[in-house]
């Protein structure tokens, strides 16, 4: 037998048939919609990628439809409105009106105790200027009224009946109420007389730079009424 150099003979292995069985080709699969024939040179996409892309498309459409839906007004989403009963405003506390003089400013019953006092407004009949004033029941049954505006100034005087406050804020130790000037720390004693432009007047300066007692207002008693008539 002549050997072909380009087709060498198969080696013979003991126990095996010398003639190898031919390998039958696998049967061709039928062409279906899910198994289309593949063209040469074309590369098919994996099935998971196709499913993922389809899911993204569906999700995008759902988001677009959700965003385009008409929004409900706040009155629909917040639930039914509840009518609350209107709260009536509290009535304002009545403001005590001070008596205006010349005229009655207090009664002897109101000022029955020594060193009791009451404020009023004194209006000058000539100039129509008004100032806060005070009438005080002094020991011995005397009633004395003064302007609460400091002489030759605009600071408002104080009637200090708290002796502890008189000591702590004005540095004066007294045994009865005093009139004090918070601007210059002067203290006036209505139980003592001091020098005024027209002579002696109640309210001697016992401390501070004040130059005279507070301005006096004339008082007369008519039955139980205390009447302020004119200012110094």
C-alpha atoms as a PDB file:
ATOM      1  CA  UNK A   1       0.000   0.000   0.000  1.00  0.00           C
ATOM      2  CA  UNK A   2       1.220   3.332  -0.952  1.00  0.00           C
ATOM      3  CA  UNK A   3       1.278   5.837   1.866  1.00  0.00           C
ATOM      4  CA  UNK A   4       0.215   9.389   1.349  1.00  0.00           C
ATOM      5  CA  UNK A   5       2.593  11.682   3.135  1.00  0.00           C
ATOM      6  CA  UNK A   6      -0.139  14.294   3.747  1.00  0.00           C
ATOM      7  CA  UNK A   7      -2.681  11.734   5.080  1.00  0.00           C
ATOM      8  CA  UNK A   8      -0.983   9.549   7.643  1.00  0.00           C
ATOM      9  CA  UNK A   9      -2.642   6.265   8.583  1.00  0.00           C
ATOM     10  CA  UNK A  10      -4.550   6.057  11.843  1.00  0.00           C
ATOM     11  CA  UNK A  11      -2.683   4.174  14.546  1.00  0.00           C
ATOM     12  CA  UNK A  12      -4.068   0.787  15.559  1.00  0.00           C
ATOM     13  CA  UNK A  13      -4.865   0.390  19.247  1.00  0.00           C
ATOM     14  CA  UNK A  14      -5.436  -3.165  20.493  1.00  0.00           C
ATOM     15  CA  UNK A  15      -8.960  -3.798  21.773  1.00  0.00           C
ATOM     16  CA  UNK A  16     -10.517  -1.151  19.586  1.00  0.00           C
ATOM     17  CA  UNK A  17     -12.110  -1.604  16.300  1.00  0.00           C
ATOM     18  CA  UNK A  18      -9.894  -0.619  13.512  1.00  0.00           C
ATOM     19  CA  UNK A  19     -12.719   1.180  11.784  1.00  0.00           C
ATOM     20  CA  UNK A  20     -13.859   4.232  13.800  1.00  0.00           C
ATOM     21  CA  UNK A  21     -17.529   4.855  13.993  1.00  0.00           C
ATOM     22  CA  UNK A  22     -18.643   7.914  12.186  1.00  0.00           C
ATOM     23  CA  UNK A  23     -20.061  10.673  14.318  1.00  0.00           C
ATOM     24  CA  UNK A  24     -23.550  11.573  13.234  1.00  0.00           C
ATOM     25  CA  UNK A  25     -24.267  15.296  13.104  1.00  0.00           C
ATOM     26  CA  UNK A  26     -26.852  16.691  15.569  1.00  0.00           C
ATOM     27  CA  UNK A  27     -30.270  17.146  14.070  1.00  0.00           C
ATOM     28  CA  UNK A  28     -31.030  20.669  13.067  1.00  0.00           C
ATOM     29  CA  UNK A  29     -33.490  22.516  15.335  1.00  0.00           C
ATOM     30  CA  UNK A  30     -36.701  23.677  13.729  1.00  0.00           C
ATOM     31  CA  UNK A  31     -37.062  27.337  13.104  1.00  0.00           C
ATOM     32  CA  UNK A  32     -39.606  28.984  15.389  1.00  0.00           C
ATOM     33  CA  UNK A  33     -40.483  32.557  16.435  1.00  0.00           C
ATOM     34  CA  UNK A  34     -38.205  32.162  19.459  1.00  0.00           C
ATOM     35  CA  UNK A  35     -35.476  30.411  17.510  1.00  0.00           C
ATOM     36  CA  UNK A  36     -35.038  32.367  14.297  1.00  0.00           C
ATOM     37  CA  UNK A  37     -32.280  31.435  11.909  1.00  0.00           C
ATOM     38  CA  UNK A  38     -29.109  33.339  12.531  1.00  0.00           C
ATOM     39  CA  UNK A  39     -27.554  35.140   9.701  1.00  0.00           C
ATOM     40  CA  UNK A  40     -23.909  34.917   9.277  1.00  0.00           C
ATOM     41  CA  UNK A  41     -22.072  37.925  10.581  1.00  0.00           C
ATOM     42  CA  UNK A  42     -25.019  39.166  12.797  1.00  0.00           C
ATOM     43  CA  UNK A  43     -24.634  39.102  16.602  1.00  0.00           C
ATOM     44  CA  UNK A  44     -27.780  38.475  18.671  1.00  0.00           C
ATOM     45  CA  UNK A  45     -28.345  40.374  21.940  1.00  0.00           C
ATOM     46  CA  UNK A  46     -28.684  38.339  25.117  1.00  0.00           C
ATOM     47  CA  UNK A  47     -32.245  37.853  26.298  1.00  0.00           C
ATOM     48  CA  UNK A  48     -31.668  39.491  29.780  1.00  0.00           C
ATOM     49  CA  UNK A  49     -30.535  42.723  28.142  1.00  0.00           C
ATOM     50  CA  UNK A  50     -33.670  42.861  26.022  1.00  0.00           C
ATOM     51  CA  UNK A  51     -35.897  42.281  29.050  1.00  0.00           C
ATOM     52  CA  UNK A  52     -34.072  44.981  31.047  1.00  0.00           C
ATOM     53  CA  UNK A  53     -34.439  47.521  28.246  1.00  0.00           C
ATOM     54  CA  UNK A  54     -38.155  46.796  27.978  1.00  0.00           C
ATOM     55  CA  UNK A  55     -38.581  47.220  31.724  1.00  0.00           C
ATOM     56  CA  UNK A  56     -36.830  50.623  31.598  1.00  0.00           C
ATOM     57  CA  UNK A  57     -39.136  51.761  28.791  1.00  0.00           C
ATOM     58  CA  UNK A  58     -42.228  50.727  30.762  1.00  0.00           C
ATOM     59  CA  UNK A  59     -40.904  52.435  33.910  1.00  0.00           C
ATOM     60  CA  UNK A  60     -40.204  55.661  31.985  1.00  0.00           C
ATOM     61  CA  UNK A  61     -43.745  55.700  30.591  1.00  0.00           C
ATOM     62  CA  UNK A  62     -45.190  55.149  34.080  1.00  0.00           C
ATOM     63  CA  UNK A  63     -43.147  58.035  35.522  1.00  0.00           C
ATOM     64  CA  UNK A  64     -44.206  60.338  32.676  1.00  0.00           C
ATOM     65  CA  UNK A  65     -47.893  59.504  33.186  1.00  0.00           C
ATOM     66  CA  UNK A  66     -47.590  60.015  36.966  1.00  0.00           C
ATOM     67  CA  UNK A  67     -45.927  63.419  36.520  1.00  0.00           C
ATOM     68  CA  UNK A  68     -48.551  64.561  34.013  1.00  0.00           C
ATOM     69  CA  UNK A  69     -51.535  63.755  36.250  1.00  0.00           C
ATOM     70  CA  UNK A  70     -53.512  66.839  37.475  1.00  0.00           C
ATOM     71  CA  UNK A  71     -52.691  67.794  41.055  1.00  0.00           C
ATOM     72  CA  UNK A  72     -55.505  67.996  43.567  1.00  0.00           C
ATOM     73  CA  UNK A  73     -56.158  71.302  45.273  1.00  0.00           C
ATOM     74  CA  UNK A  74     -54.974  71.659  48.833  1.00  0.00           C
ATOM     75  CA  UNK A  75     -58.556  71.720  50.069  1.00  0.00           C
ATOM     76  CA  UNK A  76     -59.096  68.168  48.726  1.00  0.00           C
ATOM     77  CA  UNK A  77     -55.885  66.684  50.061  1.00  0.00           C
ATOM     78  CA  UNK A  78     -56.016  68.267  53.495  1.00  0.00           C
ATOM     79  CA  UNK A  79     -59.343  66.745  54.428  1.00  0.00           C
ATOM     80  CA  UNK A  80     -62.655  68.420  55.135  1.00  0.00           C
ATOM     81  CA  UNK A  81     -62.517  71.879  56.684  1.00  0.00           C
ATOM     82  CA  UNK A  82     -63.649  72.171  60.275  1.00  0.00           C
ATOM     83  CA  UNK A  83     -65.450  75.294  61.321  1.00  0.00           C
ATOM     84  CA  UNK A  84     -64.000  76.471  64.624  1.00  0.00           C
ATOM     85  CA  UNK A  85     -66.001  78.766  66.836  1.00  0.00           C
ATOM     86  CA  UNK A  86     -64.762  82.331  66.739  1.00  0.00           C
ATOM     87  CA  UNK A  87     -62.996  83.418  69.898  1.00  0.00           C
ATOM     88  CA  UNK A  88     -64.395  86.643  71.218  1.00  0.00           C
ATOM     89  CA  UNK A  89     -61.692  89.151  72.204  1.00  0.00           C
ATOM     90  CA  UNK A  90     -61.325  89.719  75.900  1.00  0.00           C
ATOM     91  CA  UNK A  91     -62.699  93.043  77.025  1.00  0.00           C
ATOM     92  CA  UNK A  92     -60.006  95.584  77.760  1.00  0.00           C
ATOM     93  CA  UNK A  93     -59.494  96.390  81.376  1.00  0.00           C
ATOM     94  CA  UNK A  94     -61.094  99.705  82.197  1.00  0.00           C
ATOM     95  CA  UNK A  95     -58.608 102.521  82.554  1.00  0.00           C
ATOM     96  CA  UNK A  96     -59.117 104.512  85.711  1.00  0.00           C
ATOM     97  CA  UNK A  97     -59.681 108.146  84.823  1.00  0.00           C
ATOM     98  CA  UNK A  98     -58.009 110.625  87.122  1.00  0.00           C
ATOM     99  CA  UNK A  99     -60.085 113.498  88.467  1.00  0.00           C
ATOM    100  CA  UNK A 100     -59.462 116.820  86.742  1.00  0.00           C
ATOM    101  CA  UNK A 101     -59.038 120.000  88.754  1.00  0.00           C
ATOM    102  CA  UNK A 102     -59.911 122.729  89.501  1.00  0.00           C
ATOM    103  CA  UNK A 103     -62.695 120.784  91.140  1.00  0.00           C
ATOM    104  CA  UNK A 104     -63.258 117.792  93.463  1.00  0.00           C
ATOM    105  CA  UNK A 105     -60.344 115.358  93.402  1.00  0.00           C
ATOM    106  CA  UNK A 106     -61.056 112.973  96.304  1.00  0.00           C
ATOM    107  CA  UNK A 107     -63.189 112.403  99.409  1.00  0.00           C
ATOM    108  CA  UNK A 108     -62.218 112.342 103.034  1.00  0.00           C
ATOM    109  CA  UNK A 109     -63.416 108.712 103.146  1.00  0.00           C
ATOM    110  CA  UNK A 110     -60.933 107.746 100.436  1.00  0.00           C
ATOM    111  CA  UNK A 111     -58.086 109.409 102.307  1.00  0.00           C
ATOM    112  CA  UNK A 112     -59.108 108.545 105.866  1.00  0.00           C
ATOM    113  CA  UNK A 113     -55.695 107.222 106.950  1.00  0.00           C
ATOM    114  CA  UNK A 114     -52.622 109.399 107.518  1.00  0.00           C
ATOM    115  CA  UNK A 115     -50.217 109.359 104.553  1.00  0.00           C
ATOM    116  CA  UNK A 116     -52.904 108.007 102.229  1.00  0.00           C
ATOM    117  CA  UNK A 117     -52.729 109.737  98.835  1.00  0.00           C
ATOM    118  CA  UNK A 118     -54.521 110.042  95.501  1.00  0.00           C
ATOM    119  CA  UNK A 119     -53.434 111.320  92.090  1.00  0.00           C
ATOM    120  CA  UNK A 120     -55.363 113.773  89.933  1.00  0.00           C
ATOM    121  CA  UNK A 121     -54.809 116.093  86.957  1.00  0.00           C
ATOM    122  CA  UNK A 122     -54.551 119.804  87.517  1.00  0.00           C
ATOM    123  CA  UNK A 123     -55.288 121.934  84.480  1.00  0.00           C
ATOM    124  CA  UNK A 124     -54.205 125.549  84.531  1.00  0.00           C
ATOM    125  CA  UNK A 125     -57.285 127.620  83.606  1.00  0.00           C
ATOM    126  CA  UNK A 126     -55.158 130.349  82.043  1.00  0.00           C
ATOM    127  CA  UNK A 127     -52.572 128.395  80.019  1.00  0.00           C
ATOM    128  CA  UNK A 128     -54.610 125.162  79.644  1.00  0.00           C
ATOM    129  CA  UNK A 129     -51.462 123.255  80.533  1.00  0.00           C
ATOM    130  CA  UNK A 130     -52.064 120.137  82.606  1.00  0.00           C
ATOM    131  CA  UNK A 131     -49.842 118.255  85.034  1.00  0.00           C
ATOM    132  CA  UNK A 132     -50.149 115.232  87.261  1.00  0.00           C
ATOM    133  CA  UNK A 133     -50.752 116.168  90.890  1.00  0.00           C
ATOM    134  CA  UNK A 134     -51.322 114.407  94.220  1.00  0.00           C
ATOM    135  CA  UNK A 135     -53.214 115.112  97.391  1.00  0.00           C
ATOM    136  CA  UNK A 136     -51.904 113.617 100.652  1.00  0.00           C
ATOM    137  CA  UNK A 137     -53.578 113.209 104.039  1.00  0.00           C
ATOM    138  CA  UNK A 138     -50.918 114.394 106.484  1.00  0.00           C
ATOM    139  CA  UNK A 139     -50.891 113.486 110.178  1.00  0.00           C
ATOM    140  CA  UNK A 140     -53.128 115.822 112.212  1.00  0.00           C
ATOM    141  CA  UNK A 141     -55.920 115.928 109.609  1.00  0.00           C
ATOM    142  CA  UNK A 142     -54.219 118.259 107.138  1.00  0.00           C
ATOM    143  CA  UNK A 143     -54.630 117.688 103.378  1.00  0.00           C
ATOM    144  CA  UNK A 144     -51.855 118.927 101.149  1.00  0.00           C
ATOM    145  CA  UNK A 145     -51.642 118.824  97.344  1.00  0.00           C
ATOM    146  CA  UNK A 146     -48.578 119.235  95.150  1.00  0.00           C
ATOM    147  CA  UNK A 147     -47.682 119.113  91.472  1.00  0.00           C
ATOM    148  CA  UNK A 148     -45.793 115.922  90.604  1.00  0.00           C
ATOM    149  CA  UNK A 149     -43.710 117.751  88.020  1.00  0.00           C
ATOM    150  CA  UNK A 150     -40.385 118.877  89.446  1.00  0.00           C
ATOM    151  CA  UNK A 151     -39.924 122.652  89.840  1.00  0.00           C
ATOM    152  CA  UNK A 152     -38.030 124.160  86.897  1.00  0.00           C
ATOM    153  CA  UNK A 153     -37.860 120.774  85.162  1.00  0.00           C
ATOM    154  CA  UNK A 154     -39.836 118.003  83.453  1.00  0.00           C
ATOM    155  CA  UNK A 155     -38.993 115.006  85.623  1.00  0.00           C
ATOM    156  CA  UNK A 156     -41.967 113.327  87.315  1.00  0.00           C
ATOM    157  CA  UNK A 157     -41.742 113.142  91.085  1.00  0.00           C
ATOM    158  CA  UNK A 158     -42.600 109.985  93.013  1.00  0.00           C
ATOM    159  CA  UNK A 159     -44.578 109.542  96.214  1.00  0.00           C
ATOM    160  CA  UNK A 160     -42.543 106.831  97.955  1.00  0.00           C
ATOM    161  CA  UNK A 161     -44.511 105.100 100.711  1.00  0.00           C
ATOM    162  CA  UNK A 162     -42.233 102.044 100.749  1.00  0.00           C
ATOM    163  CA  UNK A 163     -39.537 102.953 103.274  1.00  0.00           C
ATOM    164  CA  UNK A 164     -37.301 100.110 102.076  1.00  0.00           C
ATOM    165  CA  UNK A 165     -37.425 101.487  98.540  1.00  0.00           C
ATOM    166  CA  UNK A 166     -36.714 104.964  99.905  1.00  0.00           C
ATOM    167  CA  UNK A 167     -33.581 103.585 101.568  1.00  0.00           C
ATOM    168  CA  UNK A 168     -32.366 101.364  98.713  1.00  0.00           C
ATOM    169  CA  UNK A 169     -33.130 103.565  95.692  1.00  0.00           C
ATOM    170  CA  UNK A 170     -32.738 107.053  97.150  1.00  0.00           C
ATOM    171  CA  UNK A 171     -30.314 106.316  99.976  1.00  0.00           C
ATOM    172  CA  UNK A 172     -32.498 108.060 102.525  1.00  0.00           C
ATOM    173  CA  UNK A 173     -33.659 106.538 105.813  1.00  0.00           C
ATOM    174  CA  UNK A 174     -37.074 107.982 106.648  1.00  0.00           C
ATOM    175  CA  UNK A 175     -39.771 107.002 109.113  1.00  0.00           C
ATOM    176  CA  UNK A 176     -42.708 108.095 106.932  1.00  0.00           C
ATOM    177  CA  UNK A 177     -43.446 108.448 103.187  1.00  0.00           C
ATOM    178  CA  UNK A 178     -41.513 111.029 101.214  1.00  0.00           C
ATOM    179  CA  UNK A 179     -41.630 112.683  97.798  1.00  0.00           C
ATOM    180  CA  UNK A 180     -38.546 111.888  95.684  1.00  0.00           C
ATOM    181  CA  UNK A 181     -37.078 113.072  92.399  1.00  0.00           C
ATOM    182  CA  UNK A 182     -35.673 110.078  90.430  1.00  0.00           C
ATOM    183  CA  UNK A 183     -33.715 112.364  88.098  1.00  0.00           C
ATOM    184  CA  UNK A 184     -31.512 114.165  90.639  1.00  0.00           C
ATOM    185  CA  UNK A 185     -32.148 111.928  93.705  1.00  0.00           C
ATOM    186  CA  UNK A 186     -33.620 114.774  95.759  1.00  0.00           C
ATOM    187  CA  UNK A 187     -35.967 113.909  98.640  1.00  0.00           C
ATOM    188  CA  UNK A 188     -38.751 116.167  99.963  1.00  0.00           C
ATOM    189  CA  UNK A 189     -40.429 115.896 103.370  1.00  0.00           C
ATOM    190  CA  UNK A 190     -44.074 117.051 103.362  1.00  0.00           C
ATOM    191  CA  UNK A 191     -44.131 117.029 107.160  1.00  0.00           C
ATOM    192  CA  UNK A 192     -41.669 119.955 107.193  1.00  0.00           C
ATOM    193  CA  UNK A 193     -41.722 123.412 105.696  1.00  0.00           C
ATOM    194  CA  UNK A 194     -39.142 124.715 103.293  1.00  0.00           C
ATOM    195  CA  UNK A 195     -38.487 128.031 101.648  1.00  0.00           C
ATOM    196  CA  UNK A 196     -40.318 128.849  98.458  1.00  0.00           C
ATOM    197  CA  UNK A 197     -40.487 131.960  96.251  1.00  0.00           C
ATOM    198  CA  UNK A 198     -43.467 133.261  98.229  1.00  0.00           C
ATOM    199  CA  UNK A 199     -42.419 132.118 101.685  1.00  0.00           C
ATOM    200  CA  UNK A 200     -42.555 128.850 103.554  1.00  0.00           C
ATOM    201  CA  UNK A 201     -44.153 125.883 101.818  1.00  0.00           C
ATOM    202  CA  UNK A 202     -44.475 122.232 102.718  1.00  0.00           C
ATOM    203  CA  UNK A 203     -41.932 119.807 101.302  1.00  0.00           C
ATOM    204  CA  UNK A 204     -38.553 120.807 102.656  1.00  0.00           C
ATOM    205  CA  UNK A 205     -35.587 119.489 100.669  1.00  0.00           C
ATOM    206  CA  UNK A 206     -33.909 116.970 103.004  1.00  0.00           C
ATOM    207  CA  UNK A 207     -31.554 115.481 100.400  1.00  0.00           C
ATOM    208  CA  UNK A 208     -30.280 116.325  96.942  1.00  0.00           C
ATOM    209  CA  UNK A 209     -29.673 119.433  94.791  1.00  0.00           C
ATOM    210  CA  UNK A 210     -33.308 120.571  94.457  1.00  0.00           C
ATOM    211  CA  UNK A 211     -33.625 124.319  95.084  1.00  0.00           C
ATOM    212  CA  UNK A 212     -37.175 124.423  96.469  1.00  0.00           C
ATOM    213  CA  UNK A 213     -40.122 122.265  97.629  1.00  0.00           C
ATOM    214  CA  UNK A 214     -42.621 120.897  95.068  1.00  0.00           C
ATOM    215  CA  UNK A 215     -45.187 123.346  93.649  1.00  0.00           C
ATOM    216  CA  UNK A 216     -48.174 123.595  95.986  1.00  0.00           C
ATOM    217  CA  UNK A 217     -51.849 123.328  94.972  1.00  0.00           C
ATOM    218  CA  UNK A 218     -54.454 124.969  97.178  1.00  0.00           C
ATOM    219  CA  UNK A 219     -56.975 122.628  98.799  1.00  0.00           C
ATOM    220  CA  UNK A 220     -60.289 123.264 100.557  1.00  0.00           C
ATOM    221  CA  UNK A 221     -62.701 120.827 102.183  1.00  0.00           C
ATOM    222  CA  UNK A 222     -66.409 120.948 101.370  1.00  0.00           C
ATOM    223  CA  UNK A 223     -68.194 118.343 103.503  1.00  0.00           C
ATOM    224  CA  UNK A 224     -66.614 115.029 102.418  1.00  0.00           C
ATOM    225  CA  UNK A 225     -65.231 116.463  99.227  1.00  0.00           C
ATOM    226  CA  UNK A 226     -61.602 117.512  98.782  1.00  0.00           C
ATOM    227  CA  UNK A 227     -61.440 120.268  96.200  1.00  0.00           C
ATOM    228  CA  UNK A 228     -58.316 121.531  94.420  1.00  0.00           C
ATOM    229  CA  UNK A 229     -58.731 125.181  93.501  1.00  0.00           C
ATOM    230  CA  UNK A 230     -55.528 126.730  92.189  1.00  0.00           C
ATOM    231  CA  UNK A 231     -51.822 126.036  91.675  1.00  0.00           C
ATOM    232  CA  UNK A 232     -48.871 128.013  92.997  1.00  0.00           C
END
